[in-house]
Amino acid sequence: MKIKTTNKAAQTKAIKSYKAGEIKKSEAIRELFKAGVEVKAIAELLEIRYQHAYNTIQNAIYKQEIDTADIELKAKSADKKIKITELLNNGLSPKEIAIELKSNINYVYKIKKELAK
């Protein structure tokens, strides 16, 4: 997950401020995310666990400190659902689809059940 636009100046400023001790770690995480840095990269830059960065960003989203309209998700489940539907219509078995899409076979069966309705 990341913000759609990137701001290199804001990224540099947030990193320098954090290294100098001017801002707290959680504030640096939020600022870097708002500047367009992916969660994984934030964790690596600040030498923290991925889960810490992710949870801080999620909390900021829940508190509406970060606008969700600007967030770009890597993979959308709707896209996967469409792919599963197409593959089912092409005659592939749920097991073959699960292997091909690297998805849980139970999810494929769930989509198949929904289509049968």
Protein backbone atom coordinates (compact mmCIF):
# COMPACT_ATOMS: atom_id res chain seq x y z
CA MET A 1 0.00 0.00 0.00
CA LYS A 2 1.26 3.46 -0.85
CA ILE A 3 0.12 6.97 -1.69
CA LYS A 4 -0.45 7.55 -5.44
CA THR A 5 1.85 10.59 -5.69
CA THR A 6 5.43 10.85 -4.48
CA ASN A 7 7.17 13.84 -2.97
CA LYS A 8 10.96 13.39 -2.81
CA ALA A 9 11.54 16.61 -0.84
CA ALA A 10 9.10 15.53 1.88
CA GLN A 11 10.71 12.09 2.01
CA THR A 12 14.18 13.54 2.51
CA LYS A 13 12.92 16.02 5.11
CA ALA A 14 11.14 13.30 7.11
CA ILE A 15 14.21 11.05 7.15
CA LYS A 16 16.56 13.88 8.17
CA SER A 17 14.16 15.06 10.91
CA TYR A 18 13.84 11.54 12.30
CA LYS A 19 17.61 10.90 12.25
CA ALA A 20 18.20 14.24 14.01
CA GLY A 21 15.64 13.34 16.68
CA GLU A 22 13.30 16.20 15.79
CA ILE A 23 10.28 13.96 15.19
CA LYS A 24 9.12 10.69 16.72
CA LYS A 25 9.27 7.38 14.89
CA SER A 26 5.50 7.17 14.36
CA GLU A 27 5.42 10.69 12.97
CA ALA A 28 8.25 9.83 10.59
CA ILE A 29 6.33 6.75 9.43
CA ARG A 30 3.22 8.84 8.70
CA GLU A 31 5.20 11.57 6.92
CA LEU A 32 7.08 9.08 4.75
CA PHE A 33 3.84 7.33 3.83
CA LYS A 34 2.19 10.64 2.93
CA ALA A 35 5.26 11.41 0.80
CA GLY A 36 4.63 8.26 -1.25
CA VAL A 37 6.98 5.69 0.27
CA GLU A 38 5.71 2.09 0.42
CA VAL A 39 5.33 0.41 3.81
CA LYS A 40 8.15 -2.06 3.15
CA ALA A 41 10.55 0.74 2.20
CA ILE A 42 9.58 2.74 5.31
CA ALA A 43 10.40 -0.25 7.51
CA GLU A 44 13.78 -0.65 5.82
CA LEU A 45 14.63 3.07 5.94
CA LEU A 46 13.81 3.44 9.62
CA GLU A 47 15.18 -0.01 10.52
CA ILE A 48 11.93 -1.16 12.11
CA ARG A 49 9.64 -4.13 11.62
CA TYR A 50 7.19 -4.04 8.73
CA GLN A 51 4.30 -4.68 11.15
CA HIS A 52 5.17 -1.57 13.19
CA ALA A 53 5.09 0.64 10.09
CA TYR A 54 1.90 -0.98 8.78
CA ASN A 55 0.05 -0.66 12.11
CA THR A 56 1.07 2.99 12.48
CA ILE A 57 -0.28 3.75 9.01
CA GLN A 58 -3.50 1.80 9.64
CA ASN A 59 -4.09 3.74 12.87
CA ALA A 60 -3.52 7.02 11.02
CA ILE A 61 -6.07 5.96 8.40
CA TYR A 62 -8.62 5.05 11.10
CA LYS A 63 -8.08 8.43 12.75
CA GLN A 64 -8.52 10.03 9.30
CA GLU A 65 -5.04 11.59 9.38
CA ILE A 66 -4.44 10.08 5.93
CA ASP A 67 -6.98 10.45 3.13
CA THR A 68 -7.96 7.01 1.85
CA ALA A 69 -8.76 8.36 -1.62
CA ASP A 70 -5.03 8.89 -2.19
CA ILE A 71 -4.04 5.33 -1.28
CA GLU A 72 -3.03 2.91 -4.00
CA LEU A 73 -3.37 -0.75 -3.09
CA LYS A 74 -1.11 -3.30 -4.74
CA ALA A 75 -3.67 -6.01 -5.38
CA LYS A 76 -7.42 -5.69 -5.24
CA SER A 77 -9.53 -8.69 -4.36
CA ALA A 78 -12.06 -7.61 -6.98
CA ASP A 79 -9.41 -8.14 -9.66
CA LYS A 80 -8.66 -11.61 -8.32
CA LYS A 81 -12.36 -12.42 -8.19
CA ILE A 82 -12.72 -11.42 -11.85
CA LYS A 83 -9.76 -13.59 -12.83
CA ILE A 84 -11.17 -16.56 -10.91
CA THR A 85 -14.55 -16.10 -12.60
CA GLU A 86 -12.94 -16.00 -16.05
CA LEU A 87 -10.88 -19.12 -15.37
CA LEU A 88 -13.92 -20.99 -14.03
CA ASN A 89 -15.84 -20.05 -17.17
CA ASN A 90 -12.92 -21.36 -19.25
CA GLY A 91 -13.33 -24.78 -17.61
CA LEU A 92 -10.37 -24.86 -15.22
CA SER A 93 -10.78 -26.76 -11.96
CA PRO A 94 -10.67 -24.89 -8.64
CA LYS A 95 -7.38 -26.61 -7.81
CA GLU A 96 -5.80 -25.46 -11.09
CA ILE A 97 -7.04 -21.92 -10.52
CA ALA A 98 -5.73 -21.83 -6.95
CA ILE A 99 -2.30 -22.94 -8.15
CA GLU A 100 -2.22 -20.55 -11.10
CA LEU A 101 -3.32 -17.47 -9.11
CA LYS A 102 -1.52 -18.49 -5.91
CA SER A 103 -4.81 -18.22 -4.08
CA ASN A 104 -6.51 -20.20 -1.34
CA ILE A 105 -8.54 -23.04 -2.83
CA ASN A 106 -11.38 -22.32 -0.39
CA TYR A 107 -11.66 -18.80 -1.82
CA VAL A 108 -11.94 -20.26 -5.33
CA TYR A 109 -14.72 -22.60 -4.17
CA LYS A 110 -16.48 -19.64 -2.53
CA ILE A 111 -16.45 -17.72 -5.83
CA LYS A 112 -17.66 -20.84 -7.66
CA LYS A 113 -20.54 -21.19 -5.20
CA GLU A 114 -21.50 -17.52 -5.67
CA LEU A 115 -21.53 -17.99 -9.44
CA ALA A 116 -23.81 -21.02 -9.14
CA LYS A 117 -26.53 -18.94 -7.47
